[in-house]
Amino acid sequence: MNPLKAVDELLNSITMYRLLVYALSSLALIAIVFSFTGVLTLSGPGLSLSLSTLLVVCFAVNWALAKVWRAMPSTESWLITALILFFILPPTNTAARFLGLVGVGILAMASKYLLAFRRKHIFNPAAIALVIGSLLEISSAIWWVGNKTMFPLLAFVGILILRKLRHVTLALVFVAATLITVVLFNLDSDLGLSSVLQTAVMSSPLVFLGAIMLTEPATMPSTKGWRLVFAALVGVVSVAEVSILDRSITAEMALVAGNALAFMVSPRYKTILEFVRRQPVAPGSTVYDYVFKSSEKLAFQPGQYMELTLPHTKPDTRGNRRVFTIASSPTENDVHFGIKINEQTSSFKRALQTLVPGQKLIGGQIAGGFVLSKKTEEKLLMIAGGIGVTPFRSMAKHLIDSNESRDAVLFYMIASPSELAFKDVFTEAGSHGLKTMPVLSGEAPQDWKGMTGPLSADDFQKVVPDLKHRRVYISGPPGMVDAYKKILVRAGVPRTRIVTDHFSGY
């Protein structure tokens, strides 16, 4: 097996949050071992006490505040915040430092509830706690994780996280903005630019900030363009040698500033979703249409996704938060999600199966760049695999309700005719320019009249001779998405005209 494919399959088997827990926990244990063996010049007992203190404080405060606010906390959020603070705050070896850890831990958890707007916290909890803690002289960040000893391990973990989240471009913009700013501020440095850049990369907050904190979904912009602006802003501000009111701007201050920008340009709420009903999208289908009523009128673009939080007993390694594409159109009153249920389903989906009408969960973090081009005259080619059809259902319904027409062809890959979801919507969208072509990948019954797959470039060109001039949208399992992207690129479709949506681990 291709090693990269094996890595992707492993990453797709767990959620982003659980990956962060595993990665940060491993780094913390390694750092403590390094400190006891002298590889790191930090106090082993001090690091151990720091980690223990932060874990206890963050858990206890988060639990208490969740009870007071009657909130539905995630199972990993407090743990991730505690681990992040562990890598940034000075190790505990004095009473003052111990109290500082306790104070910053309390601030971090409290910020999620107090510095929030319509159930959505505004700032990265660790970053805002560090800023407030410094201003109140409780404790200050030293970012001890940014050192040459930890750099190889941190870089490896960072690459895994960025690949899982598919935020490599975001990270590259952040790094480029950071290093360009460093160079501009050190053109006349006696140390030489190579030494300055080496320090900026290997002995600074850069990797930890860029891969682990910058990419927190809740406090970054919801669209690609604003995310790149956000990354550049944080990169520049984090290393610009400027001061405000006699205080030097720090990395955590830069991230807080970026969070403020993200809050202004993104949906500013979380919503309570009340379960209404579920039903298979077709007789015998394992894909179900889950319908909810929202406490807020959702503002989103067709094709975007939402994160759902559903606390339940004994969550598995994928946790109690999952991301699903919104299958409904912004024009609809109810919120729909197309969700596949199979025998080896996760604890989250098993909990979904037990929902009764009136039961509630939390929806938030609406985001995603898998949205239609605003150029209505642009011709489109759409490829959906299995449950990857949900964003196209949202787009099709929006075309119908908005009375808009597009020259679009949708190739809908299914394993059996029973998996053909949202047939009524796609049929009606035909009168708005969307032509749907079901493609059967499994054994075709005798009465099957559609196409059979997998499809080649020639198959696409027979239906859309102007293939090279269309904007392409591909949504489905990662293997399918990557395979068809390669086929289309080889057929002459520019990479810049291909938009993908990977349903990893759905």
Protein backbone atom coordinates (compact mmCIF):
# COMPACT_ATOMS: atom_id res chain seq x y z
CA MET A 1 0.00 0.00 0.00
CA ASN A 2 1.11 3.55 -0.74
CA PRO A 3 2.48 4.93 2.59
CA LEU A 4 0.74 8.27 2.02
CA LYS A 5 -2.57 6.50 1.39
CA ALA A 6 -2.09 4.49 4.60
CA VAL A 7 -1.51 7.72 6.53
CA ASP A 8 -4.64 9.28 5.03
CA GLU A 9 -6.73 6.25 5.93
CA LEU A 10 -5.48 6.44 9.51
CA LEU A 11 -6.20 10.17 9.72
CA ASN A 12 -9.65 9.69 8.22
CA SER A 13 -10.52 7.12 10.88
CA ILE A 14 -10.49 9.72 13.69
CA THR A 15 -11.83 13.22 14.14
CA MET A 16 -9.69 16.34 14.11
CA TYR A 17 -10.26 16.86 17.83
CA ARG A 18 -9.23 13.34 18.76
CA LEU A 19 -6.15 13.65 16.55
CA LEU A 20 -5.18 16.79 18.47
CA VAL A 21 -5.66 15.00 21.79
CA TYR A 22 -3.48 12.08 20.71
CA ALA A 23 -0.80 14.31 19.17
CA LEU A 24 -0.56 16.81 22.02
CA SER A 25 -0.66 14.08 24.68
CA SER A 26 2.18 12.24 22.96
CA LEU A 27 4.24 15.43 22.68
CA ALA A 28 3.61 16.21 26.36
CA LEU A 29 4.75 12.78 27.51
CA ILE A 30 7.84 12.94 25.29
CA ALA A 31 8.70 16.41 26.62
CA ILE A 32 8.42 15.19 30.21
CA VAL A 33 10.65 12.18 29.48
CA PHE A 34 13.15 14.48 27.73
CA SER A 35 13.18 16.79 30.75
CA PHE A 36 13.87 13.95 33.21
CA THR A 37 16.66 12.54 31.01
CA GLY A 38 18.34 15.91 30.42
CA VAL A 39 17.52 16.13 26.71
CA LEU A 40 15.42 19.21 27.52
CA THR A 41 16.82 21.78 29.91
CA LEU A 42 13.53 22.05 31.79
CA SER A 43 12.46 20.71 35.17
CA GLY A 44 10.93 17.24 34.88
CA PRO A 45 8.96 17.55 38.12
CA GLY A 46 7.97 21.09 37.14
CA LEU A 47 6.56 19.97 33.78
CA SER A 48 4.77 17.02 35.40
CA LEU A 49 3.14 19.27 38.01
CA SER A 50 2.22 21.82 35.34
CA LEU A 51 0.45 19.21 33.22
CA SER A 52 -1.39 17.69 36.20
CA THR A 53 -2.51 21.11 37.45
CA LEU A 54 -3.81 22.29 34.09
CA LEU A 55 -5.70 19.04 33.45
CA VAL A 56 -7.46 19.21 36.82
CA VAL A 57 -8.23 22.93 36.65
CA CYS A 58 -9.51 22.96 33.06
CA PHE A 59 -11.68 19.89 33.57
CA ALA A 60 -13.19 21.11 36.84
CA VAL A 61 -13.88 24.67 35.66
CA ASN A 62 -15.32 23.54 32.33
CA TRP A 63 -17.57 20.99 34.07
CA ALA A 64 -18.82 23.58 36.59
CA LEU A 65 -19.47 26.30 34.00
CA ALA A 66 -21.22 23.87 31.67
CA LYS A 67 -23.58 23.01 34.53
CA VAL A 68 -24.25 26.69 35.28
CA TRP A 69 -24.82 27.59 31.62
CA ARG A 70 -26.64 24.32 30.90
CA ALA A 71 -24.32 23.88 27.95
CA MET A 72 -23.42 20.78 25.95
CA PRO A 73 -19.62 20.67 26.27
CA SER A 74 -17.47 18.56 23.99
CA THR A 75 -15.46 15.73 25.46
CA GLU A 76 -12.13 17.01 24.12
CA SER A 77 -12.23 20.83 24.21
CA TRP A 78 -11.07 21.32 27.80
CA LEU A 79 -8.33 18.71 27.34
CA ILE A 80 -6.96 20.31 24.18
CA THR A 81 -6.88 23.73 25.86
CA ALA A 82 -5.08 22.33 28.92
CA LEU A 83 -2.46 20.66 26.72
CA ILE A 84 -1.92 23.83 24.66
CA LEU A 85 -1.36 25.90 27.82
CA PHE A 86 1.08 23.27 29.08
CA PHE A 87 3.36 23.87 26.10
CA ILE A 88 3.28 27.65 26.44
CA LEU A 89 3.34 28.53 30.15
CA PRO A 90 6.50 28.24 32.26
CA PRO A 91 6.89 24.97 34.20
CA THR A 92 5.70 25.05 37.80
CA ASN A 93 8.53 25.19 40.31
CA THR A 94 7.32 27.98 42.63
CA ALA A 95 4.08 28.84 44.39
CA ALA A 96 3.67 31.92 42.18
CA ARG A 97 3.95 29.87 38.99
CA PHE A 98 1.50 27.31 40.36
CA LEU A 99 -1.06 30.03 41.06
CA GLY A 100 -0.37 31.48 37.62
CA LEU A 101 -1.20 28.14 36.00
CA VAL A 102 -4.41 27.88 37.98
CA GLY A 103 -5.39 31.45 37.09
CA VAL A 104 -4.74 31.08 33.36
CA GLY A 105 -6.53 27.73 33.27
CA ILE A 106 -9.60 29.31 34.87
CA LEU A 107 -9.47 32.23 32.42
CA ALA A 108 -9.23 29.89 29.45
CA MET A 109 -12.30 27.88 30.40
CA ALA A 110 -14.28 30.93 31.50
CA SER A 111 -13.61 32.69 28.18
CA LYS A 112 -15.62 30.02 26.35
CA TYR A 113 -18.72 31.01 28.28
CA LEU A 114 -18.18 34.68 29.17
CA LEU A 115 -16.52 35.93 25.98
CA ALA A 116 -19.18 34.46 23.72
CA PHE A 117 -21.90 35.73 21.44
CA ARG A 118 -25.05 33.68 20.94
CA ARG A 119 -23.35 30.54 22.26
CA LYS A 120 -20.25 31.00 20.04
CA HIS A 121 -16.96 31.75 21.78
CA ILE A 122 -15.03 34.49 20.05
CA PHE A 123 -11.38 33.87 20.93
CA ASN A 124 -9.12 30.87 21.08
CA PRO A 125 -9.47 30.00 24.80
CA ALA A 126 -5.76 29.47 25.38
CA ALA A 127 -4.72 32.63 23.50
CA ILE A 128 -7.17 35.00 25.22
CA ALA A 129 -6.33 33.51 28.62
CA LEU A 130 -2.63 34.12 27.99
CA VAL A 131 -3.30 37.71 26.94
CA ILE A 132 -5.48 38.47 29.97
CA GLY A 133 -3.12 36.61 32.28
CA SER A 134 -0.21 38.72 31.06
CA LEU A 135 -2.13 41.99 31.39
CA LEU A 136 -3.17 41.10 34.94
CA GLU A 137 0.36 39.87 35.69
CA ILE A 138 -0.94 36.43 36.63
CA SER A 139 1.43 34.59 34.30
CA SER A 140 3.06 35.17 30.92
CA ALA A 141 3.66 32.91 27.94
CA ILE A 142 7.20 31.69 27.25
CA TRP A 143 6.34 29.23 24.41
CA TRP A 144 8.96 26.75 25.64
CA VAL A 145 7.72 24.23 23.05
CA GLY A 146 9.46 26.32 20.39
CA ASN A 147 12.98 24.88 20.66
CA LYS A 148 15.36 22.89 18.47
CA THR A 149 14.89 19.68 20.46
CA MET A 150 11.11 19.61 20.07
CA PHE A 151 11.10 21.02 16.53
CA PRO A 152 11.31 17.71 14.55
CA LEU A 153 8.52 16.12 16.59
CA LEU A 154 6.41 19.26 16.50
CA ALA A 155 6.89 19.62 12.74
CA PHE A 156 5.82 15.99 12.20
CA VAL A 157 2.69 16.45 14.30
CA GLY A 158 1.95 19.75 12.55
CA ILE A 159 2.14 18.13 9.11
CA LEU A 160 -0.30 15.39 10.18
CA ILE A 161 -2.77 17.94 11.53
CA LEU A 162 -2.57 20.14 8.45
CA ARG A 163 -3.04 17.16 6.15
CA LYS A 164 -6.03 15.97 8.16
CA LEU A 165 -7.61 19.44 8.05
CA ARG A 166 -6.43 20.16 4.48
CA HIS A 167 -5.14 23.53 5.64
CA VAL A 168 -1.68 23.33 4.05
CA THR A 169 -2.28 26.49 2.00
CA LEU A 170 -3.39 28.34 5.13
CA ALA A 171 -0.21 27.29 6.93
CA LEU A 172 2.02 28.26 4.00
CA VAL A 173 0.48 31.74 3.91
CA PHE A 174 1.03 32.09 7.65
CA VAL A 175 4.66 30.93 7.45
CA ALA A 176 5.40 33.13 4.43
CA ALA A 177 3.89 36.21 6.07
CA THR A 178 5.80 35.50 9.27
CA LEU A 179 9.19 34.95 7.67
CA ILE A 180 8.89 37.90 5.26
CA THR A 181 8.10 40.14 8.23
CA VAL A 182 11.06 38.72 10.17
CA VAL A 183 13.38 39.46 7.25
CA LEU A 184 12.10 43.02 6.85
CA PHE A 185 12.62 43.76 10.53
CA ASN A 186 16.12 42.21 10.56
CA LEU A 187 17.72 43.43 7.34
CA ASP A 188 20.55 45.09 9.30
CA SER A 189 20.94 42.39 11.95
CA ASP A 190 24.50 41.48 12.91
CA LEU A 191 23.49 37.82 13.23
CA GLY A 192 22.84 37.41 9.50
CA LEU A 193 19.54 36.53 7.86
CA SER A 194 20.17 32.77 7.80
CA SER A 195 20.64 32.68 11.56
CA VAL A 196 17.64 34.92 12.11
CA LEU A 197 15.42 32.72 9.92
CA GLN A 198 16.64 29.54 11.59
CA THR A 199 15.69 30.95 14.97
CA ALA A 200 12.32 32.14 13.64
CA VAL A 201 11.49 28.63 12.42
CA MET A 202 13.02 26.32 15.02
CA SER A 203 13.08 28.35 18.23
CA SER A 204 9.85 30.33 18.22
CA PRO A 205 6.07 29.88 18.46
CA LEU A 206 5.80 29.63 14.65
CA VAL A 207 5.14 25.88 14.19
CA PHE A 208 2.97 25.38 17.27
CA LEU A 209 0.98 28.55 16.61
CA GLY A 210 0.54 27.88 12.90
CA ALA A 211 -0.35 24.19 12.95
CA ILE A 212 -2.21 23.78 16.23
CA MET A 213 -3.71 27.09 17.37
CA LEU A 214 -4.28 29.00 14.14
CA THR A 215 -6.31 26.12 12.69
CA GLU A 216 -8.94 25.93 15.46
CA PRO A 217 -12.21 25.79 13.44
CA ALA A 218 -14.33 27.75 15.94
CA THR A 219 -12.17 30.88 15.86
CA MET A 220 -11.06 31.10 12.25
CA PRO A 221 -13.04 32.56 9.32
CA SER A 222 -15.56 30.34 7.60
CA THR A 223 -14.49 30.98 3.98
CA LYS A 224 -11.21 30.36 2.16
CA GLY A 225 -10.46 33.95 1.17
CA TRP A 226 -10.90 35.34 4.67
CA ARG A 227 -8.91 32.43 6.11
CA LEU A 228 -5.91 33.41 4.02
CA VAL A 229 -6.25 37.05 5.16
CA PHE A 230 -6.53 35.78 8.73
CA ALA A 231 -3.37 33.67 8.38
CA ALA A 232 -1.38 36.54 6.89
CA LEU A 233 -2.57 38.97 9.56
CA VAL A 234 -1.60 36.69 12.44
CA GLY A 235 1.74 35.92 10.81
CA VAL A 236 2.69 39.56 10.35
CA VAL A 237 1.46 40.80 13.73
CA SER A 238 3.04 37.91 15.67
CA VAL A 239 6.59 38.95 14.75
CA ALA A 240 6.29 42.65 13.94
CA GLU A 241 8.43 44.46 16.47
CA VAL A 242 5.80 46.97 17.53
CA SER A 243 4.28 47.99 20.84
CA ILE A 244 0.93 49.31 22.03
CA LEU A 245 0.79 51.29 25.27
CA ASP A 246 4.36 50.25 26.02
CA ARG A 247 3.50 46.56 25.61
CA SER A 248 5.16 44.52 22.89
CA ILE A 249 2.77 42.60 20.64
CA THR A 250 3.09 38.87 21.34
CA ALA A 251 2.13 35.76 19.35
CA GLU A 252 -0.95 35.18 21.50
CA MET A 253 -2.03 38.80 21.02
CA ALA A 254 -1.69 38.35 17.26
CA LEU A 255 -3.94 35.29 17.33
CA VAL A 256 -6.54 37.12 19.43
CA ALA A 257 -6.53 39.94 16.86
CA GLY A 258 -7.04 37.37 14.12
CA ASN A 259 -9.90 35.80 16.07
CA ALA A 260 -11.58 39.21 16.28
CA LEU A 261 -11.36 39.50 12.48
CA ALA A 262 -12.78 36.00 12.08
CA PHE A 263 -15.70 36.85 14.35
CA MET A 264 -16.56 39.91 12.28
CA VAL A 265 -16.58 38.11 8.92
CA SER A 266 -18.14 34.76 9.92
CA PRO A 267 -21.52 33.57 11.25
CA ARG A 268 -21.66 34.81 14.85
CA TYR A 269 -23.69 32.18 16.60
CA LYS A 270 -24.26 28.60 17.53
CA THR A 271 -27.77 27.25 17.21
CA ILE A 272 -29.95 24.79 19.06
CA LEU A 273 -31.18 22.13 16.65
CA GLU A 274 -34.39 20.38 17.67
CA PHE A 275 -34.85 16.96 16.13
CA VAL A 276 -38.00 16.62 13.99
CA ARG A 277 -37.73 13.36 12.05
CA ARG A 278 -35.55 11.04 10.02
CA GLN A 279 -36.39 8.88 7.06
CA PRO A 280 -34.46 6.95 4.42
CA VAL A 281 -33.89 8.96 1.26
CA ALA A 282 -35.15 5.99 -0.74
CA PRO A 283 -36.69 2.60 0.16
CA GLY A 284 -33.96 0.32 1.51
CA SER A 285 -31.31 3.08 1.53
CA THR A 286 -28.73 3.35 4.33
CA VAL A 287 -28.71 7.14 3.83
CA TYR A 288 -31.17 9.00 6.05
CA ASP A 289 -32.56 12.50 5.78
CA TYR A 290 -32.30 14.00 9.28
CA VAL A 291 -34.52 17.04 9.77
CA PHE A 292 -34.16 19.65 12.53
CA LYS A 293 -35.71 22.96 13.49
CA SER A 294 -33.14 25.65 14.27
CA SER A 295 -33.39 28.24 17.04
CA GLU A 296 -31.65 30.68 14.68
CA LYS A 297 -32.22 31.50 11.03
CA LEU A 298 -29.09 30.01 9.53
CA ALA A 299 -26.93 32.16 7.26
CA PHE A 300 -24.88 29.93 4.96
CA GLN A 301 -24.07 29.26 1.35
CA PRO A 302 -25.29 26.07 -0.35
CA GLY A 303 -22.55 23.46 -0.04
CA GLN A 304 -21.17 24.55 3.34
CA TYR A 305 -20.98 22.32 6.41
CA MET A 306 -21.89 22.56 10.09
CA GLU A 307 -20.38 20.99 13.18
CA LEU A 308 -22.84 19.12 15.41
CA THR A 309 -22.26 18.42 19.10
CA LEU A 310 -24.23 15.52 20.57
CA PRO A 311 -23.16 14.49 24.09
CA HIS A 312 -23.70 10.77 24.67
CA THR A 313 -22.46 8.04 26.95
CA LYS A 314 -19.19 6.29 26.18
CA PRO A 315 -18.21 8.17 23.00
CA ASP A 316 -15.72 6.29 20.86
CA THR A 317 -12.45 7.62 19.47
CA ARG A 318 -14.33 9.95 17.14
CA GLY A 319 -15.83 11.91 20.04
CA ASN A 320 -19.14 13.74 20.41
CA ARG A 321 -18.58 16.35 17.68
CA ARG A 322 -18.91 15.65 13.97
CA VAL A 323 -19.03 17.73 10.81
CA PHE A 324 -21.83 17.22 8.27
CA THR A 325 -22.62 19.08 5.09
CA ILE A 326 -25.93 20.92 5.26
CA ALA A 327 -28.22 19.22 2.74
CA SER A 328 -30.90 21.90 2.92
CA SER A 329 -30.95 25.21 1.09
CA PRO A 330 -30.79 28.55 2.94
CA THR A 331 -34.28 29.10 1.51
CA GLU A 332 -35.76 26.24 3.58
CA ASN A 333 -37.11 26.63 7.10
CA ASP A 334 -35.94 23.23 8.34
CA VAL A 335 -32.32 22.09 8.42
CA HIS A 336 -31.56 18.82 6.63
CA PHE A 337 -28.53 16.54 6.86
CA GLY A 338 -27.98 13.47 4.70
CA ILE A 339 -26.34 10.90 7.00
CA LYS A 340 -25.21 7.39 6.12
CA ILE A 341 -25.85 4.72 8.75
CA ASN A 342 -24.18 1.32 8.46
CA GLU A 343 -23.43 -1.68 10.67
CA GLN A 344 -20.00 -0.38 11.73
CA THR A 345 -21.23 3.09 12.55
CA SER A 346 -19.70 5.34 15.22
CA SER A 347 -21.06 5.99 18.70
CA PHE A 348 -22.10 9.45 17.47
CA LYS A 349 -24.27 7.99 14.73
CA ARG A 350 -25.66 5.38 17.10
CA ALA A 351 -26.73 8.27 19.33
CA LEU A 352 -28.30 9.96 16.30
CA GLN A 353 -30.35 6.82 15.71
CA THR A 354 -31.85 7.08 19.20
CA LEU A 355 -32.97 10.71 18.85
CA VAL A 356 -36.64 11.32 19.57
CA PRO A 357 -38.65 14.33 18.33
CA GLY A 358 -37.96 17.34 20.51
CA GLN A 359 -34.48 16.22 21.55
CA LYS A 360 -31.82 18.89 21.05
CA LEU A 361 -28.21 19.17 20.01
CA ILE A 362 -25.83 22.04 19.22
CA GLY A 363 -24.96 23.21 15.71
CA GLY A 364 -22.18 25.65 14.95
CA GLN A 365 -19.04 26.51 12.99
CA ILE A 366 -20.72 26.85 9.61
CA ALA A 367 -17.91 26.96 7.10
CA GLY A 368 -16.49 25.57 3.88
CA GLY A 369 -15.43 26.77 0.45
CA PHE A 370 -17.33 24.14 -1.53
CA VAL A 371 -19.81 26.69 -2.85
CA LEU A 372 -21.04 27.65 -6.29
CA SER A 373 -19.25 30.28 -8.31
CA LYS A 374 -21.05 33.61 -8.31
CA LYS A 375 -20.64 33.71 -12.09
CA THR A 376 -24.02 32.34 -13.10
CA GLU A 377 -22.93 32.06 -16.72
CA GLU A 378 -20.08 29.68 -15.85
CA LYS A 379 -20.68 26.08 -16.95
CA LEU A 380 -20.35 23.43 -14.24
CA LEU A 381 -19.42 19.77 -13.94
CA MET A 382 -20.35 18.07 -10.66
CA ILE A 383 -19.24 14.64 -9.43
CA ALA A 384 -20.79 13.12 -6.30
CA GLY A 385 -19.88 9.86 -4.62
CA GLY A 386 -22.36 8.29 -2.20
CA ILE A 387 -23.18 10.63 0.69
CA GLY A 388 -21.04 13.26 -1.06
CA VAL A 389 -24.22 14.20 -2.89
CA THR A 390 -25.49 16.26 0.09
CA PRO A 391 -23.87 19.58 -0.90
CA PHE A 392 -25.33 19.19 -4.39
CA ARG A 393 -28.79 18.65 -2.90
CA SER A 394 -28.37 22.01 -1.13
CA MET A 395 -27.27 23.67 -4.36
CA ALA A 396 -30.07 22.10 -6.41
CA LYS A 397 -32.76 23.11 -3.94
CA HIS A 398 -31.36 26.66 -3.88
CA LEU A 399 -31.57 26.85 -7.68
CA ILE A 400 -35.21 25.75 -7.52
CA ASP A 401 -36.29 28.10 -4.73
CA SER A 402 -34.36 31.06 -6.19
CA ASN A 403 -35.66 30.36 -9.69
CA GLU A 404 -32.07 30.42 -10.95
CA SER A 405 -30.69 28.43 -13.88
CA ARG A 406 -27.19 27.01 -14.36
CA ASP A 407 -25.63 24.97 -17.14
CA ALA A 408 -24.57 22.07 -14.91
CA VAL A 409 -24.15 18.30 -15.23
CA LEU A 410 -24.04 16.10 -12.10
CA PHE A 411 -22.50 12.61 -12.28
CA TYR A 412 -23.90 10.83 -9.24
CA MET A 413 -21.88 7.71 -8.28
CA ILE A 414 -23.86 5.08 -6.35
CA ALA A 415 -23.19 1.44 -5.41
CA SER A 416 -26.81 0.34 -5.96
CA PRO A 417 -30.01 1.92 -7.28
CA SER A 418 -31.41 2.08 -3.71
CA GLU A 419 -28.71 4.62 -2.81
CA LEU A 420 -30.08 7.22 -5.22
CA ALA A 421 -30.83 10.02 -2.74
CA PHE A 422 -32.93 13.19 -3.09
CA LYS A 423 -34.29 12.04 -6.45
CA ASP A 424 -37.27 14.42 -6.29
CA VAL A 425 -35.06 17.49 -5.81
CA PHE A 426 -32.67 16.60 -8.64
CA THR A 427 -35.56 15.82 -10.97
CA GLU A 428 -37.13 19.23 -10.32
CA ALA A 429 -33.73 20.93 -10.68
CA GLY A 430 -33.61 19.59 -14.25
CA SER A 431 -35.87 22.44 -15.30
CA HIS A 432 -33.25 24.85 -13.89
CA GLY A 433 -30.38 23.53 -16.02
CA LEU A 434 -29.03 20.80 -13.71
CA LYS A 435 -28.79 17.50 -15.58
CA THR A 436 -28.28 14.51 -13.25
CA MET A 437 -26.52 11.37 -14.53
CA PRO A 438 -26.68 8.41 -12.10
CA VAL A 439 -23.58 6.21 -12.37
CA LEU A 440 -23.70 2.69 -10.90
CA SER A 441 -20.40 1.37 -9.57
CA GLY A 442 -21.76 -2.01 -8.44
CA GLU A 443 -23.35 -4.80 -10.46
CA ALA A 444 -26.07 -3.31 -12.64
CA PRO A 445 -29.52 -4.92 -12.68
CA GLN A 446 -31.07 -5.69 -16.06
CA ASP A 447 -33.45 -2.74 -15.88
CA TRP A 448 -30.66 -0.22 -15.12
CA LYS A 449 -30.71 2.55 -17.72
CA GLY A 450 -27.99 4.81 -16.36
CA MET A 451 -24.22 4.82 -16.78
CA THR A 452 -21.83 2.41 -15.07
CA GLY A 453 -18.51 3.30 -13.51
CA PRO A 454 -15.76 3.97 -12.84
CA LEU A 455 -15.72 6.71 -15.45
CA SER A 456 -12.84 7.69 -17.69
CA ALA A 457 -12.01 11.06 -19.19
CA ASP A 458 -13.65 9.89 -22.43
CA ASP A 459 -16.86 9.10 -20.54
CA PHE A 460 -16.99 12.65 -19.20
CA GLN A 461 -16.21 14.19 -22.58
CA LYS A 462 -18.98 12.25 -24.30
CA VAL A 463 -21.50 13.99 -22.05
CA VAL A 464 -19.69 17.33 -21.70
CA PRO A 465 -17.51 17.96 -24.78
CA ASP A 466 -16.50 21.33 -23.32
CA LEU A 467 -15.02 19.60 -20.26
CA LYS A 468 -11.84 21.74 -20.18
CA HIS A 469 -13.84 24.94 -19.92
CA ARG A 470 -16.10 23.96 -17.02
CA ARG A 471 -15.64 24.55 -13.32
CA VAL A 472 -15.58 21.17 -11.60
CA TYR A 473 -16.93 20.23 -8.17
CA ILE A 474 -16.09 16.79 -6.71
CA SER A 475 -17.53 15.55 -3.43
CA GLY A 476 -17.29 12.13 -1.82
CA PRO A 477 -14.86 9.67 -0.19
CA PRO A 478 -11.22 10.88 -0.34
CA GLY A 479 -10.10 8.05 -2.65
CA MET A 480 -12.83 8.79 -5.17
CA VAL A 481 -12.26 12.54 -5.03
CA ASP A 482 -8.50 12.22 -5.57
CA ALA A 483 -8.91 9.65 -8.38
CA TYR A 484 -11.35 11.75 -10.41
CA LYS A 485 -9.36 14.90 -9.83
CA LYS A 486 -6.31 13.19 -11.38
CA ILE A 487 -8.37 11.94 -14.33
CA LEU A 488 -9.72 15.42 -15.04
CA VAL A 489 -6.34 17.12 -14.68
CA ARG A 490 -4.85 14.66 -17.16
CA ALA A 491 -7.76 15.43 -19.47
CA GLY A 492 -6.73 19.08 -19.48
CA VAL A 493 -8.92 20.63 -16.78
CA PRO A 494 -6.83 23.25 -14.91
CA ARG A 495 -6.33 22.44 -11.22
CA THR A 496 -7.50 25.94 -10.38
CA ARG A 497 -10.92 25.10 -11.80
CA ILE A 498 -11.42 22.00 -9.65
CA VAL A 499 -13.07 22.39 -6.23
CA THR A 500 -13.08 19.35 -3.93
CA ASP A 501 -14.90 18.29 -0.79
CA HIS A 502 -13.51 15.21 0.95
CA PHE A 503 -15.92 13.29 3.17
CA SER A 504 -13.16 11.86 5.34
CA GLY A 505 -14.37 9.58 8.07
CA TYR A 506 -18.06 10.28 7.59
